[in-house]
Amino acid sequence: ITGDNPLTAAAIAAEAGVDDFLAQATPEDKLDLIRKEKTG
C-alpha cells in the first residue's frame, strides 16, 4: 500500500516481489481494502 502513483508503485512492487499493490492510497482506501478482504 502506497501513496505513490501507479507507475511508481508497480516498479517498487515488482522489485520487492509482492503479489499486488494499492497505489495513491489514502487512510480511507486502506480501511476499505481491509474491510473488503474481511468481508470475503
PDB file of all heavy atoms in Angstrom:
ATOM      1  N   ILE A   1       0.856  -1.189   0.000  1.00  0.00           N
ATOM      2  CA  ILE A   1       0.000   0.000   0.000  1.00  0.00           C
ATOM      3  C   ILE A   1       0.890   1.236   0.000  1.00  0.00           C
ATOM      4  O   ILE A   1       1.815   1.349   0.800  1.00  0.00           O
ATOM      5  CB  ILE A   1      -0.914   0.016   1.234  1.00  0.00           C
ATOM      6  CG1 ILE A   1      -1.801  -1.234   1.243  1.00  0.00           C
ATOM      7  CG2 ILE A   1      -1.776   1.258   1.252  1.00  0.00           C
ATOM      8  CD1 ILE A   1      -2.685  -1.343   2.455  1.00  0.00           C
ATOM      9  N   THR A   2       0.613   2.159  -0.918  1.00  0.00           N
ATOM     10  CA  THR A   2       1.463   3.337  -1.035  1.00  0.00           C
ATOM     11  C   THR A   2       0.658   4.520  -1.545  1.00  0.00           C
ATOM     12  O   THR A   2      -0.382   4.347  -2.206  1.00  0.00           O
ATOM     13  CB  THR A   2       2.641   3.058  -2.000  1.00  0.00           C
ATOM     14  OG1 THR A   2       3.403   4.242  -2.167  1.00  0.00           O
ATOM     15  CG2 THR A   2       2.147   2.594  -3.356  1.00  0.00           C
ATOM     16  N   GLY A   3       1.126   5.695  -1.228  1.00  0.00           N
ATOM     17  CA  GLY A   3       0.526   6.912  -1.769  1.00  0.00           C
ATOM     18  C   GLY A   3       1.093   7.288  -3.118  1.00  0.00           C
ATOM     19  O   GLY A   3       0.663   8.268  -3.729  1.00  0.00           O
ATOM     20  N   ASP A   4       2.063   6.511  -3.612  1.00  0.00           N
ATOM     21  CA  ASP A   4       2.688   6.803  -4.904  1.00  0.00           C
ATOM     22  C   ASP A   4       1.711   6.577  -6.050  1.00  0.00           C
ATOM     23  O   ASP A   4       0.697   5.879  -5.914  1.00  0.00           O
ATOM     24  CB  ASP A   4       3.911   5.906  -5.118  1.00  0.00           C
ATOM     25  CG  ASP A   4       5.050   6.255  -4.177  1.00  0.00           C
ATOM     26  OD1 ASP A   4       5.102   7.401  -3.719  1.00  0.00           O
ATOM     27  OD2 ASP A   4       5.862   5.364  -3.879  1.00  0.00           O
ATOM     28  N   ASN A   5       2.077   7.123  -7.219  1.00  0.00           N
ATOM     29  CA  ASN A   5       1.258   6.889  -8.409  1.00  0.00           C
ATOM     30  C   ASN A   5       1.421   5.445  -8.874  1.00  0.00           C
ATOM     31  O   ASN A   5       2.371   4.754  -8.480  1.00  0.00           O
ATOM     32  CB  ASN A   5       1.640   7.885  -9.514  1.00  0.00           C
ATOM     33  CG  ASN A   5       3.053   7.666 -10.016  1.00  0.00           C
ATOM     34  OD1 ASN A   5       3.376   6.636 -10.590  1.00  0.00           O
ATOM     35  ND2 ASN A   5       3.924   8.649  -9.786  1.00  0.00           N
ATOM     36  N   PRO A   6       0.506   4.950  -9.713  1.00  0.00           N
ATOM     37  CA  PRO A   6       0.529   3.533 -10.103  1.00  0.00           C
ATOM     38  C   PRO A   6       1.827   3.076 -10.753  1.00  0.00           C
ATOM     39  O   PRO A   6       2.259   1.942 -10.537  1.00  0.00           O
ATOM     40  CB  PRO A   6      -0.653   3.420 -11.072  1.00  0.00           C
ATOM     41  CG  PRO A   6      -1.597   4.494 -10.637  1.00  0.00           C
ATOM     42  CD  PRO A   6      -0.712   5.631 -10.199  1.00  0.00           C
ATOM     43  N   LEU A   7       2.473   3.929 -11.561  1.00  0.00           N
ATOM     44  CA  LEU A   7       3.707   3.514 -12.231  1.00  0.00           C
ATOM     45  C   LEU A   7       4.830   3.278 -11.216  1.00  0.00           C
ATOM     46  O   LEU A   7       5.545   2.273 -11.269  1.00  0.00           O
ATOM     47  CB  LEU A   7       4.135   4.569 -13.253  1.00  0.00           C
ATOM     48  CG  LEU A   7       3.387   4.575 -14.587  1.00  0.00           C
ATOM     49  CD1 LEU A   7       3.824   5.765 -15.425  1.00  0.00           C
ATOM     50  CD2 LEU A   7       3.628   3.269 -15.339  1.00  0.00           C
ATOM     51  N   THR A   8       4.979   4.222 -10.280  1.00  0.00           N
ATOM     52  CA  THR A   8       5.998   4.059  -9.242  1.00  0.00           C
ATOM     53  C   THR A   8       5.687   2.838  -8.392  1.00  0.00           C
ATOM     54  O   THR A   8       6.571   2.029  -8.071  1.00  0.00           O
ATOM     55  CB  THR A   8       6.053   5.303  -8.346  1.00  0.00           C
ATOM     56  OG1 THR A   8       6.363   6.441  -9.153  1.00  0.00           O
ATOM     57  CG2 THR A   8       7.110   5.155  -7.270  1.00  0.00           C
ATOM     58  N   ALA A   9       4.426   2.696  -8.024  1.00  0.00           N
ATOM     59  CA  ALA A   9       4.014   1.567  -7.188  1.00  0.00           C
ATOM     60  C   ALA A   9       4.299   0.245  -7.885  1.00  0.00           C
ATOM     61  O   ALA A   9       4.783  -0.713  -7.269  1.00  0.00           O
ATOM     62  CB  ALA A   9       2.528   1.678  -6.849  1.00  0.00           C
ATOM     63  N   ALA A  10       4.024   0.183  -9.195  1.00  0.00           N
ATOM     64  CA  ALA A  10       4.255  -1.051  -9.942  1.00  0.00           C
ATOM     65  C   ALA A  10       5.742  -1.396  -9.978  1.00  0.00           C
ATOM     66  O   ALA A  10       6.121  -2.571  -9.853  1.00  0.00           O
ATOM     67  CB  ALA A  10       3.705  -0.915 -11.358  1.00  0.00           C
ATOM     68  N   ALA A  11       6.591  -0.382 -10.151  1.00  0.00           N
ATOM     69  CA  ALA A  11       8.035  -0.631 -10.205  1.00  0.00           C
ATOM     70  C   ALA A  11       8.555  -1.151  -8.869  1.00  0.00           C
ATOM     71  O   ALA A  11       9.323  -2.119  -8.819  1.00  0.00           O
ATOM     72  CB  ALA A  11       8.769   0.655 -10.596  1.00  0.00           C
ATOM     73  N   ILE A  12       8.145  -0.520  -7.772  1.00  0.00           N
ATOM     74  CA  ILE A  12       8.585  -0.961  -6.451  1.00  0.00           C
ATOM     75  C   ILE A  12       8.021  -2.340  -6.131  1.00  0.00           C
ATOM     76  O   ILE A  12       8.719  -3.201  -5.577  1.00  0.00           O
ATOM     77  CB  ILE A  12       8.155   0.058  -5.374  1.00  0.00           C
ATOM     78  CG1 ILE A  12       8.826   1.407  -5.614  1.00  0.00           C
ATOM     79  CG2 ILE A  12       8.498  -0.459  -3.978  1.00  0.00           C
ATOM     80  CD1 ILE A  12      10.314   1.399  -5.470  1.00  0.00           C
ATOM     81  N   ALA A  13       6.753  -2.572  -6.487  1.00  0.00           N
ATOM     82  CA  ALA A  13       6.125  -3.869  -6.214  1.00  0.00           C
ATOM     83  C   ALA A  13       6.856  -4.988  -6.943  1.00  0.00           C
ATOM     84  O   ALA A  13       7.079  -6.071  -6.391  1.00  0.00           O
ATOM     85  CB  ALA A  13       4.654  -3.840  -6.624  1.00  0.00           C
ATOM     86  N   ALA A  14       7.242  -4.728  -8.208  1.00  0.00           N
ATOM     87  CA  ALA A  14       7.962  -5.743  -8.979  1.00  0.00           C
ATOM     88  C   ALA A  14       9.333  -6.016  -8.382  1.00  0.00           C
ATOM     89  O   ALA A  14       9.776  -7.170  -8.293  1.00  0.00           O
ATOM     90  CB  ALA A  14       8.087  -5.297 -10.436  1.00  0.00           C
ATOM     91  N   GLU A  15      10.012  -4.954  -7.937  1.00  0.00           N
ATOM     92  CA  GLU A  15      11.344  -5.122  -7.354  1.00  0.00           C
ATOM     93  C   GLU A  15      11.277  -5.861  -6.018  1.00  0.00           C
ATOM     94  O   GLU A  15      12.123  -6.696  -5.711  1.00  0.00           O
ATOM     95  CB  GLU A  15      12.006  -3.758  -7.161  1.00  0.00           C
ATOM     96  CG  GLU A  15      13.436  -3.840  -6.654  1.00  0.00           C
ATOM     97  CD  GLU A  15      14.082  -2.480  -6.491  1.00  0.00           C
ATOM     98  OE1 GLU A  15      13.463  -1.466  -6.880  1.00  0.00           O
ATOM     99  OE2 GLU A  15      15.209  -2.418  -5.968  1.00  0.00           O
ATOM    100  N   ALA A  16      10.244  -5.558  -5.230  1.00  0.00           N
ATOM    101  CA  ALA A  16      10.123  -6.171  -3.907  1.00  0.00           C
ATOM    102  C   ALA A  16       9.549  -7.580  -3.961  1.00  0.00           C
ATOM    103  O   ALA A  16       9.788  -8.386  -3.056  1.00  0.00           O
ATOM    104  CB  ALA A  16       9.255  -5.304  -3.002  1.00  0.00           C
ATOM    105  N   GLY A  17       8.786  -7.889  -5.030  1.00  0.00           N
ATOM    106  CA  GLY A  17       8.234  -9.235  -5.158  1.00  0.00           C
ATOM    107  C   GLY A  17       6.902  -9.439  -4.461  1.00  0.00           C
ATOM    108  O   GLY A  17       6.547 -10.574  -4.124  1.00  0.00           O
ATOM    109  N   VAL A  18       6.128  -8.334  -4.239  1.00  0.00           N
ATOM    110  CA  VAL A  18       4.804  -8.502  -3.642  1.00  0.00           C
ATOM    111  C   VAL A  18       3.825  -8.974  -4.707  1.00  0.00           C
ATOM    112  O   VAL A  18       4.067  -8.849  -5.905  1.00  0.00           O
ATOM    113  CB  VAL A  18       4.301  -7.191  -2.995  1.00  0.00           C
ATOM    114  CG1 VAL A  18       5.180  -6.785  -1.829  1.00  0.00           C
ATOM    115  CG2 VAL A  18       4.226  -6.066  -4.011  1.00  0.00           C
ATOM    116  N   ASP A  19       2.686  -9.519  -4.251  1.00  0.00           N
ATOM    117  CA  ASP A  19       1.712 -10.081  -5.184  1.00  0.00           C
ATOM    118  C   ASP A  19       0.812  -9.025  -5.807  1.00  0.00           C
ATOM    119  O   ASP A  19       0.303  -9.202  -6.911  1.00  0.00           O
ATOM    120  CB  ASP A  19       0.839 -11.119  -4.464  1.00  0.00           C
ATOM    121  CG  ASP A  19       1.656 -12.285  -3.944  1.00  0.00           C
ATOM    122  OD1 ASP A  19       2.468 -12.813  -4.720  1.00  0.00           O
ATOM    123  OD2 ASP A  19       1.498 -12.661  -2.771  1.00  0.00           O
ATOM    124  N   ASP A  20       0.568  -7.937  -5.098  1.00  0.00           N
ATOM    125  CA  ASP A  20      -0.351  -6.914  -5.591  1.00  0.00           C
ATOM    126  C   ASP A  20      -0.002  -5.594  -4.922  1.00  0.00           C
ATOM    127  O   ASP A  20       0.817  -5.553  -3.995  1.00  0.00           O
ATOM    128  CB  ASP A  20      -1.797  -7.309  -5.271  1.00  0.00           C
ATOM    129  CG  ASP A  20      -2.805  -6.620  -6.184  1.00  0.00           C
ATOM    130  OD1 ASP A  20      -2.392  -5.738  -6.978  1.00  0.00           O
ATOM    131  OD2 ASP A  20      -4.006  -6.946  -6.096  1.00  0.00           O
ATOM    132  N   PHE A  21      -0.606  -4.504  -5.391  1.00  0.00           N
ATOM    133  CA  PHE A  21      -0.354  -3.213  -4.763  1.00  0.00           C
ATOM    134  C   PHE A  21      -1.592  -2.335  -4.875  1.00  0.00           C
ATOM    135  O   PHE A  21      -2.447  -2.533  -5.750  1.00  0.00           O
ATOM    136  CB  PHE A  21       0.856  -2.511  -5.387  1.00  0.00           C
ATOM    137  CG  PHE A  21       0.684  -2.138  -6.837  1.00  0.00           C
ATOM    138  CD1 PHE A  21       0.119  -0.919  -7.199  1.00  0.00           C
ATOM    139  CD2 PHE A  21       1.093  -3.007  -7.838  1.00  0.00           C
ATOM    140  CE1 PHE A  21      -0.051  -0.585  -8.533  1.00  0.00           C
ATOM    141  CE2 PHE A  21       0.931  -2.676  -9.179  1.00  0.00           C
ATOM    142  CZ  PHE A  21       0.355  -1.460  -9.524  1.00  0.00           C
ATOM    143  N   LEU A  22      -1.696  -1.376  -3.962  1.00  0.00           N
ATOM    144  CA  LEU A  22      -2.741  -0.354  -3.989  1.00  0.00           C
ATOM    145  C   LEU A  22      -2.039   0.986  -4.016  1.00  0.00           C
ATOM    146  O   LEU A  22      -1.356   1.356  -3.062  1.00  0.00           O
ATOM    147  CB  LEU A  22      -3.645  -0.468  -2.754  1.00  0.00           C
ATOM    148  CG  LEU A  22      -4.735   0.602  -2.602  1.00  0.00           C
ATOM    149  CD1 LEU A  22      -5.767   0.478  -3.722  1.00  0.00           C
ATOM    150  CD2 LEU A  22      -5.417   0.486  -1.246  1.00  0.00           C
ATOM    151  N   ALA A  23      -2.184   1.714  -5.139  1.00  0.00           N
ATOM    152  CA  ALA A  23      -1.478   2.980  -5.317  1.00  0.00           C
ATOM    153  C   ALA A  23      -2.365   4.159  -4.942  1.00  0.00           C
ATOM    154  O   ALA A  23      -3.592   4.047  -4.869  1.00  0.00           O
ATOM    155  CB  ALA A  23      -1.010   3.106  -6.765  1.00  0.00           C
ATOM    156  N   GLN A  24      -1.718   5.305  -4.697  1.00  0.00           N
ATOM    157  CA  GLN A  24      -2.395   6.555  -4.359  1.00  0.00           C
ATOM    158  C   GLN A  24      -3.422   6.338  -3.248  1.00  0.00           C
ATOM    159  O   GLN A  24      -4.543   6.827  -3.291  1.00  0.00           O
ATOM    160  CB  GLN A  24      -3.057   7.150  -5.610  1.00  0.00           C
ATOM    161  CG  GLN A  24      -2.027   7.557  -6.667  1.00  0.00           C
ATOM    162  CD  GLN A  24      -2.657   8.108  -7.927  1.00  0.00           C
ATOM    163  OE1 GLN A  24      -3.763   7.726  -8.299  1.00  0.00           O
ATOM    164  NE2 GLN A  24      -1.944   9.002  -8.597  1.00  0.00           N
ATOM    165  N   ALA A  25      -3.003   5.583  -2.250  1.00  0.00           N
ATOM    166  CA  ALA A  25      -3.924   5.176  -1.185  1.00  0.00           C
ATOM    167  C   ALA A  25      -4.010   6.225  -0.096  1.00  0.00           C
ATOM    168  O   ALA A  25      -2.985   6.704   0.406  1.00  0.00           O
ATOM    169  CB  ALA A  25      -3.480   3.845  -0.592  1.00  0.00           C
ATOM    170  N   THR A  26      -5.214   6.577   0.283  1.00  0.00           N
ATOM    171  CA  THR A  26      -5.465   7.412   1.452  1.00  0.00           C
ATOM    172  C   THR A  26      -5.744   6.492   2.640  1.00  0.00           C
ATOM    173  O   THR A  26      -5.974   5.286   2.454  1.00  0.00           O
ATOM    174  CB  THR A  26      -6.677   8.320   1.222  1.00  0.00           C
ATOM    175  OG1 THR A  26      -7.846   7.487   1.076  1.00  0.00           O
ATOM    176  CG2 THR A  26      -6.493   9.169  -0.036  1.00  0.00           C
ATOM    177  N   PRO A  27      -5.753   7.028   3.866  1.00  0.00           N
ATOM    178  CA  PRO A  27      -6.134   6.183   5.006  1.00  0.00           C
ATOM    179  C   PRO A  27      -7.484   5.509   4.814  1.00  0.00           C
ATOM    180  O   PRO A  27      -7.685   4.361   5.225  1.00  0.00           O
ATOM    181  CB  PRO A  27      -6.157   7.180   6.167  1.00  0.00           C
ATOM    182  CG  PRO A  27      -5.145   8.228   5.787  1.00  0.00           C
ATOM    183  CD  PRO A  27      -5.280   8.364   4.299  1.00  0.00           C
ATOM    184  N   GLU A  28      -8.420   6.217   4.160  1.00  0.00           N
ATOM    185  CA  GLU A  28      -9.744   5.631   3.915  1.00  0.00           C
ATOM    186  C   GLU A  28      -9.657   4.460   2.951  1.00  0.00           C
ATOM    187  O   GLU A  28     -10.364   3.447   3.110  1.00  0.00           O
ATOM    188  CB  GLU A  28     -10.698   6.695   3.360  1.00  0.00           C
ATOM    189  CG  GLU A  28     -11.070   7.796   4.337  1.00  0.00           C
ATOM    190  CD  GLU A  28      -9.996   8.854   4.503  1.00  0.00           C
ATOM    191  OE1 GLU A  28      -9.030   8.866   3.687  1.00  0.00           O
ATOM    192  OE2 GLU A  28     -10.098   9.671   5.437  1.00  0.00           O
ATOM    193  N   ASP A  29      -8.773   4.562   1.942  1.00  0.00           N
ATOM    194  CA  ASP A  29      -8.598   3.464   0.981  1.00  0.00           C
ATOM    195  C   ASP A  29      -8.063   2.215   1.672  1.00  0.00           C
ATOM    196  O   ASP A  29      -8.469   1.091   1.356  1.00  0.00           O
ATOM    197  CB  ASP A  29      -7.634   3.883  -0.132  1.00  0.00           C
ATOM    198  CG  ASP A  29      -8.206   4.973  -1.019  1.00  0.00           C
ATOM    199  OD1 ASP A  29      -9.447   5.042  -1.145  1.00  0.00           O
ATOM    200  OD2 ASP A  29      -7.415   5.762  -1.570  1.00  0.00           O
ATOM    201  N   LYS A  30      -7.138   2.397   2.614  1.00  0.00           N
ATOM    202  CA  LYS A  30      -6.586   1.257   3.351  1.00  0.00           C
ATOM    203  C   LYS A  30      -7.684   0.553   4.142  1.00  0.00           C
ATOM    204  O   LYS A  30      -7.767  -0.684   4.153  1.00  0.00           O
ATOM    205  CB  LYS A  30      -5.471   1.717   4.288  1.00  0.00           C
ATOM    206  CG  LYS A  30      -4.275   2.342   3.587  1.00  0.00           C
ATOM    207  CD  LYS A  30      -3.250   2.861   4.599  1.00  0.00           C
ATOM    208  CE  LYS A  30      -2.131   3.614   3.912  1.00  0.00           C
ATOM    209  NZ  LYS A  30      -1.123   4.131   4.843  1.00  0.00           N
ATOM    210  N   LEU A  31      -8.511   1.347   4.805  1.00  0.00           N
ATOM    211  CA  LEU A  31      -9.608   0.765   5.578  1.00  0.00           C
ATOM    212  C   LEU A  31     -10.578   0.020   4.673  1.00  0.00           C
ATOM    213  O   LEU A  31     -11.035  -1.078   5.003  1.00  0.00           O
ATOM    214  CB  LEU A  31     -10.351   1.867   6.340  1.00  0.00           C
ATOM    215  CG  LEU A  31      -9.692   2.399   7.611  1.00  0.00           C
ATOM    216  CD1 LEU A  31     -10.492   3.566   8.155  1.00  0.00           C
ATOM    217  CD2 LEU A  31      -9.581   1.304   8.655  1.00  0.00           C
ATOM    218  N   ASP A  32     -10.902   0.615   3.520  1.00  0.00           N
ATOM    219  CA  ASP A  32     -11.831  -0.034   2.586  1.00  0.00           C
ATOM    220  C   ASP A  32     -11.283  -1.366   2.096  1.00  0.00           C
ATOM    221  O   ASP A  32     -12.024  -2.349   1.974  1.00  0.00           O
ATOM    222  CB  ASP A  32     -12.105   0.884   1.388  1.00  0.00           C
ATOM    223  CG  ASP A  32     -12.958   2.094   1.760  1.00  0.00           C
ATOM    224  OD1 ASP A  32     -13.622   2.045   2.821  1.00  0.00           O
ATOM    225  OD2 ASP A  32     -12.950   3.077   0.993  1.00  0.00           O
ATOM    226  N   LEU A  33      -9.959  -1.418   1.814  1.00  0.00           N
ATOM    227  CA  LEU A  33      -9.353  -2.661   1.343  1.00  0.00           C
ATOM    228  C   LEU A  33      -9.415  -3.737   2.423  1.00  0.00           C
ATOM    229  O   LEU A  33      -9.731  -4.899   2.143  1.00  0.00           O
ATOM    230  CB  LEU A  33      -7.905  -2.406   0.930  1.00  0.00           C
ATOM    231  CG  LEU A  33      -7.114  -3.630   0.452  1.00  0.00           C
ATOM    232  CD1 LEU A  33      -7.797  -4.276  -0.749  1.00  0.00           C
ATOM    233  CD2 LEU A  33      -5.680  -3.255   0.107  1.00  0.00           C
ATOM    234  N   ILE A  34      -9.129  -3.356   3.670  1.00  0.00           N
ATOM    235  CA  ILE A  34      -9.178  -4.332   4.764  1.00  0.00           C
ATOM    236  C   ILE A  34     -10.594  -4.861   4.943  1.00  0.00           C
ATOM    237  O   ILE A  34     -10.811  -6.069   5.089  1.00  0.00           O
ATOM    238  CB  ILE A  34      -8.659  -3.693   6.070  1.00  0.00           C
ATOM    239  CG1 ILE A  34      -7.159  -3.434   5.963  1.00  0.00           C
ATOM    240  CG2 ILE A  34      -8.950  -4.591   7.274  1.00  0.00           C
ATOM    241  CD1 ILE A  34      -6.578  -2.686   7.137  1.00  0.00           C
ATOM    242  N   ARG A  35     -11.579  -3.958   4.907  1.00  0.00           N
ATOM    243  CA  ARG A  35     -12.976  -4.385   5.067  1.00  0.00           C
ATOM    244  C   ARG A  35     -13.413  -5.297   3.927  1.00  0.00           C
ATOM    245  O   ARG A  35     -14.135  -6.270   4.133  1.00  0.00           O
ATOM    246  CB  ARG A  35     -13.877  -3.156   5.145  1.00  0.00           C
ATOM    247  CG  ARG A  35     -13.721  -2.378   6.450  1.00  0.00           C
ATOM    248  CD  ARG A  35     -14.456  -1.061   6.391  1.00  0.00           C
ATOM    249  NE  ARG A  35     -14.265  -0.298   7.626  1.00  0.00           N
ATOM    250  CZ  ARG A  35     -14.240   1.020   7.680  1.00  0.00           C
ATOM    251  NH1 ARG A  35     -14.395   1.738   6.573  1.00  0.00           N
ATOM    252  NH2 ARG A  35     -14.061   1.637   8.836  1.00  0.00           N
ATOM    253  N   LYS A  36     -12.957  -4.983   2.713  1.00  0.00           N
ATOM    254  CA  LYS A  36     -13.301  -5.816   1.557  1.00  0.00           C
ATOM    255  C   LYS A  36     -12.742  -7.220   1.717  1.00  0.00           C
ATOM    256  O   LYS A  36     -13.434  -8.226   1.464  1.00  0.00           O
ATOM    257  CB  LYS A  36     -12.754  -5.166   0.279  1.00  0.00           C
ATOM    258  CG  LYS A  36     -13.015  -5.981  -0.980  1.00  0.00           C
ATOM    259  CD  LYS A  36     -12.388  -5.300  -2.195  1.00  0.00           C
ATOM    260  CE  LYS A  36     -12.550  -6.158  -3.438  1.00  0.00           C
ATOM    261  NZ  LYS A  36     -11.889  -5.531  -4.615  1.00  0.00           N
ATOM    262  N   GLU A  37     -11.483  -7.335   2.134  1.00  0.00           N
ATOM    263  CA  GLU A  37     -10.859  -8.649   2.319  1.00  0.00           C
ATOM    264  C   GLU A  37     -11.548  -9.423   3.439  1.00  0.00           C
ATOM    265  O   GLU A  37     -11.797 -10.623   3.321  1.00  0.00           O
ATOM    266  CB  GLU A  37      -9.367  -8.488   2.631  1.00  0.00           C
ATOM    267  CG  GLU A  37      -8.531  -7.889   1.511  1.00  0.00           C
ATOM    268  CD  GLU A  37      -8.316  -8.850   0.353  1.00  0.00           C
ATOM    269  OE1 GLU A  37      -8.732 -10.019   0.460  1.00  0.00           O
ATOM    270  OE2 GLU A  37      -7.734  -8.427  -0.665  1.00  0.00           O
ATOM    271  N   LYS A  38     -11.877  -8.741   4.535  1.00  0.00           N
ATOM    272  CA  LYS A  38     -12.518  -9.410   5.664  1.00  0.00           C
ATOM    273  C   LYS A  38     -13.937  -9.839   5.322  1.00  0.00           C
ATOM    274  O   LYS A  38     -14.410 -10.885   5.785  1.00  0.00           O
ATOM    275  CB  LYS A  38     -12.511  -8.495   6.897  1.00  0.00           C
ATOM    276  CG  LYS A  38     -11.102  -8.253   7.447  1.00  0.00           C
ATOM    277  CD  LYS A  38     -11.094  -7.267   8.590  1.00  0.00           C
ATOM    278  CE  LYS A  38     -11.618  -7.874   9.864  1.00  0.00           C
ATOM    279  NZ  LYS A  38     -11.384  -6.983  11.013  1.00  0.00           N
ATOM    280  N   THR A  39     -14.622  -9.038   4.498  1.00  0.00           N
ATOM    281  CA  THR A  39     -15.966  -9.422   4.051  1.00  0.00           C
ATOM    282  C   THR A  39     -15.912 -10.706   3.236  1.00  0.00           C
ATOM    283  O   THR A  39     -16.850 -11.516   3.271  1.00  0.00           O
ATOM    284  CB  THR A  39     -16.594  -8.288   3.209  1.00  0.00           C
ATOM    285  OG1 THR A  39     -16.654  -7.104   3.999  1.00  0.00           O
ATOM    286  CG2 THR A  39     -17.995  -8.660   2.764  1.00  0.00           C
ATOM    287  N   GLY A  40     -14.812 -10.908   2.534  1.00  0.00           N
ATOM    288  CA  GLY A  40     -14.637 -12.135   1.754  1.00  0.00           C
ATOM    289  C   GLY A  40     -14.191 -13.322   2.584  1.00  0.00           C
ATOM    290  O   GLY A  40     -13.832 -14.364   2.035  1.00  0.00           O
TER     291      GLY A  40
END
